Amino acid sequence: MSHQTDRPAKSPDELQFIYADAAETFERFAALNERLLGRYRERLFARAQGHVLDVACGTGSNLQHLPEGCSVVGVDLSTPMLEGARREAASLGREVTLAHADAQRLPFADDAFDTVVSALSTCTFPDPVAALREMARVCAPAGRILLFEHGRSSLGPVAWGQDRLAPWHFEDMGCRWNQDPEGVVREAGLEIRRAECHVAGVFTSLVAGPTVVGE
């Protein structure tokens, strides 16, 4: 069953409204999120090095998992989310550059970063393929793109429940939580170097090469 064609999408303005409203909730539940998913973020984002771009950084949940030697730039479409990320950076004692930006039109030069990371984001981008190709554009040829995503479970009963609730969740959060993360990355033309599934296949860690195949 494919979920890659005719994907629903919220506009950037709708997403800004949704996540401005949700930012406080994200911060309030940050500790629970970390308890549930922190080990997977840690394992994946420990691979980051050099100059790092965190796309759709939200309230800064990835920051504590990026190696100390990295210089980090975080971008998000939501100003309240960026304010949360600024507070998280301050609590960690990390210097992070934060900017308002659309993932589908990143305001950076080609090959500007050694590593690009993003978590739980391609499910909300209006055009995830365009966003992934932008990540590839700004990543150095020898670099890597690290994605922690959620999608349709590999267990039938869980997938059934996700499919049933998907329309409601999309309307509430603009999130396509039953998409196929690996399928989206392949559709963007990026090379998947490593993929690891967690929690009944609901979450996936992906290491991708920055070169778009065929370009």
C-alpha atoms as a PDB file:
ATOM      1  CA  MET A   1       0.000   0.000   0.000  1.00  0.00           C
ATOM      2  CA  SER A   2       1.697   3.228  -1.132  1.00  0.00           C
ATOM      3  CA  HIS A   3       1.354   6.512   0.668  1.00  0.00           C
ATOM      4  CA  GLN A   4       3.695   8.465  -1.575  1.00  0.00           C
ATOM      5  CA  THR A   5       1.294   9.771  -4.214  1.00  0.00           C
ATOM      6  CA  ASP A   6      -1.311  12.471  -3.703  1.00  0.00           C
ATOM      7  CA  ARG A   7       0.020  13.244  -0.223  1.00  0.00           C
ATOM      8  CA  PRO A   8      -2.017  15.797   1.698  1.00  0.00           C
ATOM      9  CA  ALA A   9      -0.192  18.987   2.629  1.00  0.00           C
ATOM     10  CA  LYS A  10      -0.751  22.074   4.737  1.00  0.00           C
ATOM     11  CA  SER A  11       0.467  25.421   3.452  1.00  0.00           C
ATOM     12  CA  PRO A  12       3.468  27.084   5.118  1.00  0.00           C
ATOM     13  CA  ASP A  13       1.125  29.634   6.711  1.00  0.00           C
ATOM     14  CA  GLU A  14      -1.054  26.851   8.140  1.00  0.00           C
ATOM     15  CA  LEU A  15       1.999  25.048   9.486  1.00  0.00           C
ATOM     16  CA  GLN A  16       3.313  28.216  11.109  1.00  0.00           C
ATOM     17  CA  PHE A  17      -0.024  28.642  12.886  1.00  0.00           C
ATOM     18  CA  ILE A  18      -0.203  24.988  13.993  1.00  0.00           C
ATOM     19  CA  TYR A  19       3.330  24.872  15.390  1.00  0.00           C
ATOM     20  CA  ALA A  20       3.224  28.302  16.972  1.00  0.00           C
ATOM     21  CA  ASP A  21       0.282  27.000  18.955  1.00  0.00           C
ATOM     22  CA  ALA A  22       2.038  23.675  19.710  1.00  0.00           C
ATOM     23  CA  ALA A  23       5.447  25.054  20.749  1.00  0.00           C
ATOM     24  CA  GLU A  24       4.607  25.344  24.446  1.00  0.00           C
ATOM     25  CA  THR A  25       3.278  21.771  24.492  1.00  0.00           C
ATOM     26  CA  PHE A  26       6.449  20.509  22.801  1.00  0.00           C
ATOM     27  CA  GLU A  27       8.570  22.133  25.490  1.00  0.00           C
ATOM     28  CA  ARG A  28       6.359  20.832  28.281  1.00  0.00           C
ATOM     29  CA  PHE A  29       6.685  17.249  27.072  1.00  0.00           C
ATOM     30  CA  ALA A  30      10.353  17.454  26.073  1.00  0.00           C
ATOM     31  CA  ALA A  31      11.480  15.253  28.967  1.00  0.00           C
ATOM     32  CA  LEU A  32       8.982  12.519  28.055  1.00  0.00           C
ATOM     33  CA  ASN A  33       9.969  12.742  24.395  1.00  0.00           C
ATOM     34  CA  GLU A  34      13.604  12.342  25.382  1.00  0.00           C
ATOM     35  CA  ARG A  35      12.841   9.342  27.587  1.00  0.00           C
ATOM     36  CA  LEU A  36      11.002   7.607  24.756  1.00  0.00           C
ATOM     37  CA  LEU A  37      13.126   8.546  21.742  1.00  0.00           C
ATOM     38  CA  GLY A  38      16.380  10.020  23.034  1.00  0.00           C
ATOM     39  CA  ARG A  39      18.378   6.798  22.649  1.00  0.00           C
ATOM     40  CA  TYR A  40      17.571   6.659  18.927  1.00  0.00           C
ATOM     41  CA  ARG A  41      18.422  10.310  18.327  1.00  0.00           C
ATOM     42  CA  GLU A  42      21.664   9.864  20.278  1.00  0.00           C
ATOM     43  CA  ARG A  43      22.762   6.866  18.228  1.00  0.00           C
ATOM     44  CA  LEU A  44      22.010   8.587  14.919  1.00  0.00           C
ATOM     45  CA  PHE A  45      23.102  12.162  15.554  1.00  0.00           C
ATOM     46  CA  ALA A  46      26.385  11.106  17.167  1.00  0.00           C
ATOM     47  CA  ARG A  47      27.461  10.638  13.521  1.00  0.00           C
ATOM     48  CA  ALA A  48      27.238  14.398  12.895  1.00  0.00           C
ATOM     49  CA  GLN A  49      30.461  16.303  12.428  1.00  0.00           C
ATOM     50  CA  GLY A  50      31.775  19.708  11.415  1.00  0.00           C
ATOM     51  CA  HIS A  51      29.344  22.448  10.438  1.00  0.00           C
ATOM     52  CA  VAL A  52      25.832  21.088  11.072  1.00  0.00           C
ATOM     53  CA  LEU A  53      22.433  22.278   9.842  1.00  0.00           C
ATOM     54  CA  ASP A  54      19.372  21.163  11.840  1.00  0.00           C
ATOM     55  CA  VAL A  55      16.353  21.513   9.529  1.00  0.00           C
ATOM     56  CA  ALA A  56      12.971  22.033  11.217  1.00  0.00           C
ATOM     57  CA  CYS A  57      14.819  22.150  14.527  1.00  0.00           C
ATOM     58  CA  GLY A  58      11.651  22.763  16.531  1.00  0.00           C
ATOM     59  CA  THR A  59      12.299  23.467  20.194  1.00  0.00           C
ATOM     60  CA  GLY A  60      15.830  22.069  19.995  1.00  0.00           C
ATOM     61  CA  SER A  61      15.322  18.388  20.847  1.00  0.00           C
ATOM     62  CA  ASN A  62      18.308  17.355  18.720  1.00  0.00           C
ATOM     63  CA  LEU A  63      20.832  19.735  20.275  1.00  0.00           C
ATOM     64  CA  GLN A  64      21.859  17.578  23.215  1.00  0.00           C
ATOM     65  CA  HIS A  65      22.615  14.704  20.837  1.00  0.00           C
ATOM     66  CA  LEU A  66      24.933  16.606  18.488  1.00  0.00           C
ATOM     67  CA  PRO A  67      28.639  16.213  19.344  1.00  0.00           C
ATOM     68  CA  GLU A  68      30.159  19.122  21.252  1.00  0.00           C
ATOM     69  CA  GLY A  69      32.743  19.773  18.563  1.00  0.00           C
ATOM     70  CA  CYS A  70      30.094  20.642  15.975  1.00  0.00           C
ATOM     71  CA  SER A  71      29.033  24.168  15.087  1.00  0.00           C
ATOM     72  CA  VAL A  72      25.246  24.159  14.733  1.00  0.00           C
ATOM     73  CA  VAL A  73      22.755  26.202  12.723  1.00  0.00           C
ATOM     74  CA  GLY A  74      19.064  25.511  13.347  1.00  0.00           C
ATOM     75  CA  VAL A  75      16.202  26.622  11.115  1.00  0.00           C
ATOM     76  CA  ASP A  76      12.460  26.367  11.549  1.00  0.00           C
ATOM     77  CA  LEU A  77       9.310  27.830  10.020  1.00  0.00           C
ATOM     78  CA  SER A  78       7.864  28.679  13.448  1.00  0.00           C
ATOM     79  CA  THR A  79       9.183  31.606  15.482  1.00  0.00           C
ATOM     80  CA  PRO A  80       7.825  30.233  18.812  1.00  0.00           C
ATOM     81  CA  MET A  81       9.584  26.935  18.082  1.00  0.00           C
ATOM     82  CA  LEU A  82      12.839  28.823  17.496  1.00  0.00           C
ATOM     83  CA  GLU A  83      12.354  30.648  20.801  1.00  0.00           C
ATOM     84  CA  GLY A  84      12.074  27.235  22.480  1.00  0.00           C
ATOM     85  CA  ALA A  85      15.260  26.106  20.714  1.00  0.00           C
ATOM     86  CA  ARG A  86      17.013  29.232  21.955  1.00  0.00           C
ATOM     87  CA  ARG A  87      16.025  28.380  25.529  1.00  0.00           C
ATOM     88  CA  GLU A  88      17.191  24.779  25.071  1.00  0.00           C
ATOM     89  CA  ALA A  89      20.559  25.921  23.698  1.00  0.00           C
ATOM     90  CA  ALA A  90      20.987  28.252  26.671  1.00  0.00           C
ATOM     91  CA  SER A  91      20.164  25.461  29.129  1.00  0.00           C
ATOM     92  CA  LEU A  92      22.797  23.258  27.465  1.00  0.00           C
ATOM     93  CA  GLY A  93      25.362  26.065  27.349  1.00  0.00           C
ATOM     94  CA  ARG A  94      25.702  25.685  23.574  1.00  0.00           C
ATOM     95  CA  GLU A  95      26.207  28.453  21.053  1.00  0.00           C
ATOM     96  CA  VAL A  96      23.745  27.837  18.241  1.00  0.00           C
ATOM     97  CA  THR A  97      22.761  30.062  15.329  1.00  0.00           C
ATOM     98  CA  LEU A  98      18.989  30.015  14.828  1.00  0.00           C
ATOM     99  CA  ALA A  99      17.058  31.386  11.858  1.00  0.00           C
ATOM    100  CA  HIS A 100      13.534  31.455  10.467  1.00  0.00           C
ATOM    101  CA  ALA A 101      13.523  29.535   7.168  1.00  0.00           C
ATOM    102  CA  ASP A 102      11.428  27.319   4.923  1.00  0.00           C
ATOM    103  CA  ALA A 103      12.972  23.849   4.515  1.00  0.00           C
ATOM    104  CA  GLN A 104      11.950  23.872   0.853  1.00  0.00           C
ATOM    105  CA  ARG A 105      13.950  27.058   0.190  1.00  0.00           C
ATOM    106  CA  LEU A 106      16.963  26.997   2.485  1.00  0.00           C
ATOM    107  CA  PRO A 107      18.829  30.338   2.556  1.00  0.00           C
ATOM    108  CA  PHE A 108      22.305  28.814   2.303  1.00  0.00           C
ATOM    109  CA  ALA A 109      24.887  28.305  -0.423  1.00  0.00           C
ATOM    110  CA  ASP A 110      25.537  24.961  -2.056  1.00  0.00           C
ATOM    111  CA  ASP A 111      27.779  22.598  -0.035  1.00  0.00           C
ATOM    112  CA  ALA A 112      27.658  24.913   3.007  1.00  0.00           C
ATOM    113  CA  PHE A 113      27.391  22.164   5.677  1.00  0.00           C
ATOM    114  CA  ASP A 114      29.279  18.992   6.536  1.00  0.00           C
ATOM    115  CA  THR A 115      26.184  17.354   8.036  1.00  0.00           C
ATOM    116  CA  VAL A 116      22.454  18.017   7.718  1.00  0.00           C
ATOM    117  CA  VAL A 117      20.127  16.574  10.358  1.00  0.00           C
ATOM    118  CA  SER A 118      16.374  16.583  10.776  1.00  0.00           C
ATOM    119  CA  ALA A 119      13.923  14.761  13.033  1.00  0.00           C
ATOM    120  CA  LEU A 120      10.222  13.984  12.601  1.00  0.00           C
ATOM    121  CA  SER A 121       9.933  16.573   9.854  1.00  0.00           C
ATOM    122  CA  THR A 122       9.455  15.140   6.352  1.00  0.00           C
ATOM    123  CA  CYS A 123       5.949  14.101   7.405  1.00  0.00           C
ATOM    124  CA  THR A 124       4.917  17.768   7.686  1.00  0.00           C
ATOM    125  CA  PHE A 125       6.747  19.417   4.778  1.00  0.00           C
ATOM    126  CA  PRO A 126       4.274  20.395   2.025  1.00  0.00           C
ATOM    127  CA  ASP A 127       6.763  18.967  -0.491  1.00  0.00           C
ATOM    128  CA  PRO A 128       9.145  16.608   1.338  1.00  0.00           C
ATOM    129  CA  VAL A 129      10.965  15.716  -1.889  1.00  0.00           C
ATOM    130  CA  ALA A 130      11.825  19.375  -2.485  1.00  0.00           C
ATOM    131  CA  ALA A 131      12.946  19.752   1.146  1.00  0.00           C
ATOM    132  CA  LEU A 132      15.183  16.680   0.952  1.00  0.00           C
ATOM    133  CA  ARG A 133      16.763  17.919  -2.265  1.00  0.00           C
ATOM    134  CA  GLU A 134      17.430  21.242  -0.557  1.00  0.00           C
ATOM    135  CA  MET A 135      19.140  19.368   2.273  1.00  0.00           C
ATOM    136  CA  ALA A 136      21.250  17.583  -0.339  1.00  0.00           C
ATOM    137  CA  ARG A 137      22.077  20.872  -2.084  1.00  0.00           C
ATOM    138  CA  VAL A 138      23.444  22.544   1.051  1.00  0.00           C
ATOM    139  CA  CYS A 139      25.359  19.436   2.206  1.00  0.00           C
ATOM    140  CA  ALA A 140      28.976  18.996   1.094  1.00  0.00           C
ATOM    141  CA  PRO A 141      29.571  16.126  -1.364  1.00  0.00           C
ATOM    142  CA  ALA A 142      31.539  14.191   1.248  1.00  0.00           C
ATOM    143  CA  GLY A 143      28.974  14.908   3.956  1.00  0.00           C
ATOM    144  CA  ARG A 144      25.902  13.052   5.180  1.00  0.00           C
ATOM    145  CA  ILE A 145      22.215  13.654   5.831  1.00  0.00           C
ATOM    146  CA  LEU A 146      20.885  12.157   9.078  1.00  0.00           C
ATOM    147  CA  LEU A 147      17.119  11.736   9.369  1.00  0.00           C
ATOM    148  CA  PHE A 148      15.066  10.435  12.280  1.00  0.00           C
ATOM    149  CA  GLU A 149      11.517   9.964  10.991  1.00  0.00           C
ATOM    150  CA  HIS A 150       8.262   8.274  11.807  1.00  0.00           C
ATOM    151  CA  GLY A 151       5.987   6.443   9.424  1.00  0.00           C
ATOM    152  CA  ARG A 152       3.665   3.525   8.857  1.00  0.00           C
ATOM    153  CA  SER A 153       4.367   0.625  11.229  1.00  0.00           C
ATOM    154  CA  SER A 154       5.607  -2.735   9.996  1.00  0.00           C
ATOM    155  CA  LEU A 155       3.052  -4.409  12.306  1.00  0.00           C
ATOM    156  CA  GLY A 156      -0.380  -4.802  10.728  1.00  0.00           C
ATOM    157  CA  PRO A 157      -2.569  -3.863  13.736  1.00  0.00           C
ATOM    158  CA  VAL A 158      -0.471  -0.772  14.498  1.00  0.00           C
ATOM    159  CA  ALA A 159      -0.474   0.276  10.836  1.00  0.00           C
ATOM    160  CA  TRP A 160      -4.249  -0.207  10.733  1.00  0.00           C
ATOM    161  CA  GLY A 161      -4.661   2.125  13.688  1.00  0.00           C
ATOM    162  CA  GLN A 162      -2.359   4.711  12.126  1.00  0.00           C
ATOM    163  CA  ASP A 163      -4.311   4.610   8.875  1.00  0.00           C
ATOM    164  CA  ARG A 164      -7.614   5.024  10.704  1.00  0.00           C
ATOM    165  CA  LEU A 165      -6.377   8.029  12.683  1.00  0.00           C
ATOM    166  CA  ALA A 166      -4.232   9.563   9.930  1.00  0.00           C
ATOM    167  CA  PRO A 167      -6.862  12.052   8.623  1.00  0.00           C
ATOM    168  CA  TRP A 168      -7.536  13.376  12.131  1.00  0.00           C
ATOM    169  CA  HIS A 169      -3.832  13.650  12.964  1.00  0.00           C
ATOM    170  CA  PHE A 170      -3.135  15.444   9.693  1.00  0.00           C
ATOM    171  CA  GLU A 171      -5.875  17.994  10.323  1.00  0.00           C
ATOM    172  CA  ASP A 172      -4.640  18.556  13.876  1.00  0.00           C
ATOM    173  CA  MET A 173      -0.871  18.676  13.256  1.00  0.00           C
ATOM    174  CA  GLY A 174      -0.338  18.721   9.481  1.00  0.00           C
ATOM    175  CA  CYS A 175       1.537  15.428   9.919  1.00  0.00           C
ATOM    176  CA  ARG A 176       1.353  12.423   7.576  1.00  0.00           C
ATOM    177  CA  TRP A 177       2.291   9.878  10.213  1.00  0.00           C
ATOM    178  CA  ASN A 178       1.642   6.834   8.007  1.00  0.00           C
ATOM    179  CA  GLN A 179       4.032   7.790   5.212  1.00  0.00           C
ATOM    180  CA  ASP A 180       7.013   5.648   4.168  1.00  0.00           C
ATOM    181  CA  PRO A 181      10.180   7.546   5.239  1.00  0.00           C
ATOM    182  CA  GLU A 182      12.533   5.459   3.110  1.00  0.00           C
ATOM    183  CA  GLY A 183      10.215   5.822   0.130  1.00  0.00           C
ATOM    184  CA  VAL A 184      10.244   9.612   0.419  1.00  0.00           C
ATOM    185  CA  VAL A 185      14.050   9.688   0.560  1.00  0.00           C
ATOM    186  CA  ARG A 186      14.294   7.423  -2.464  1.00  0.00           C
ATOM    187  CA  GLU A 187      11.734   9.545  -4.318  1.00  0.00           C
ATOM    188  CA  ALA A 188      13.972  12.550  -3.703  1.00  0.00           C
ATOM    189  CA  GLY A 189      16.769  10.614  -5.408  1.00  0.00           C
ATOM    190  CA  LEU A 190      19.064  10.437  -2.374  1.00  0.00           C
ATOM    191  CA  GLU A 191      21.204   7.383  -1.721  1.00  0.00           C
ATOM    192  CA  ILE A 192      20.228   5.571   1.492  1.00  0.00           C
ATOM    193  CA  ARG A 193      23.440   4.342   3.097  1.00  0.00           C
ATOM    194  CA  ARG A 194      21.892   2.950   6.272  1.00  0.00           C
ATOM    195  CA  ALA A 195      18.346   2.446   7.594  1.00  0.00           C
ATOM    196  CA  GLU A 196      17.304   1.143  10.987  1.00  0.00           C
ATOM    197  CA  CYS A 197      13.725   0.768  12.252  1.00  0.00           C
ATOM    198  CA  HIS A 198      12.574   1.111  15.863  1.00  0.00           C
ATOM    199  CA  VAL A 199       9.410   0.617  17.931  1.00  0.00           C
ATOM    200  CA  ALA A 200       7.443  -1.716  15.656  1.00  0.00           C
ATOM    201  CA  GLY A 201       8.765   0.097  12.630  1.00  0.00           C
ATOM    202  CA  VAL A 202       7.060   3.357  13.554  1.00  0.00           C
ATOM    203  CA  PHE A 203      10.385   5.212  13.743  1.00  0.00           C
ATOM    204  CA  THR A 204      13.272   5.022  11.280  1.00  0.00           C
ATOM    205  CA  SER A 205      16.869   6.269  11.474  1.00  0.00           C
ATOM    206  CA  LEU A 206      18.317   7.031   8.051  1.00  0.00           C
ATOM    207  CA  VAL A 207      21.814   7.921   6.895  1.00  0.00           C
ATOM    208  CA  ALA A 208      21.713   9.299   3.354  1.00  0.00           C
ATOM    209  CA  GLY A 209      24.266  10.551   0.883  1.00  0.00           C
ATOM    210  CA  PRO A 210      23.888  14.172  -0.250  1.00  0.00           C
ATOM    211  CA  THR A 211      24.142  13.483  -3.987  1.00  0.00           C
ATOM    212  CA  VAL A 212      20.832  13.383  -5.825  1.00  0.00           C
ATOM    213  CA  VAL A 213      21.000  10.360  -8.127  1.00  0.00           C
ATOM    214  CA  GLY A 214      20.838  11.354 -11.795  1.00  0.00           C
ATOM    215  CA  GLU A 215      22.092  14.908 -11.307  1.00  0.00           C
END
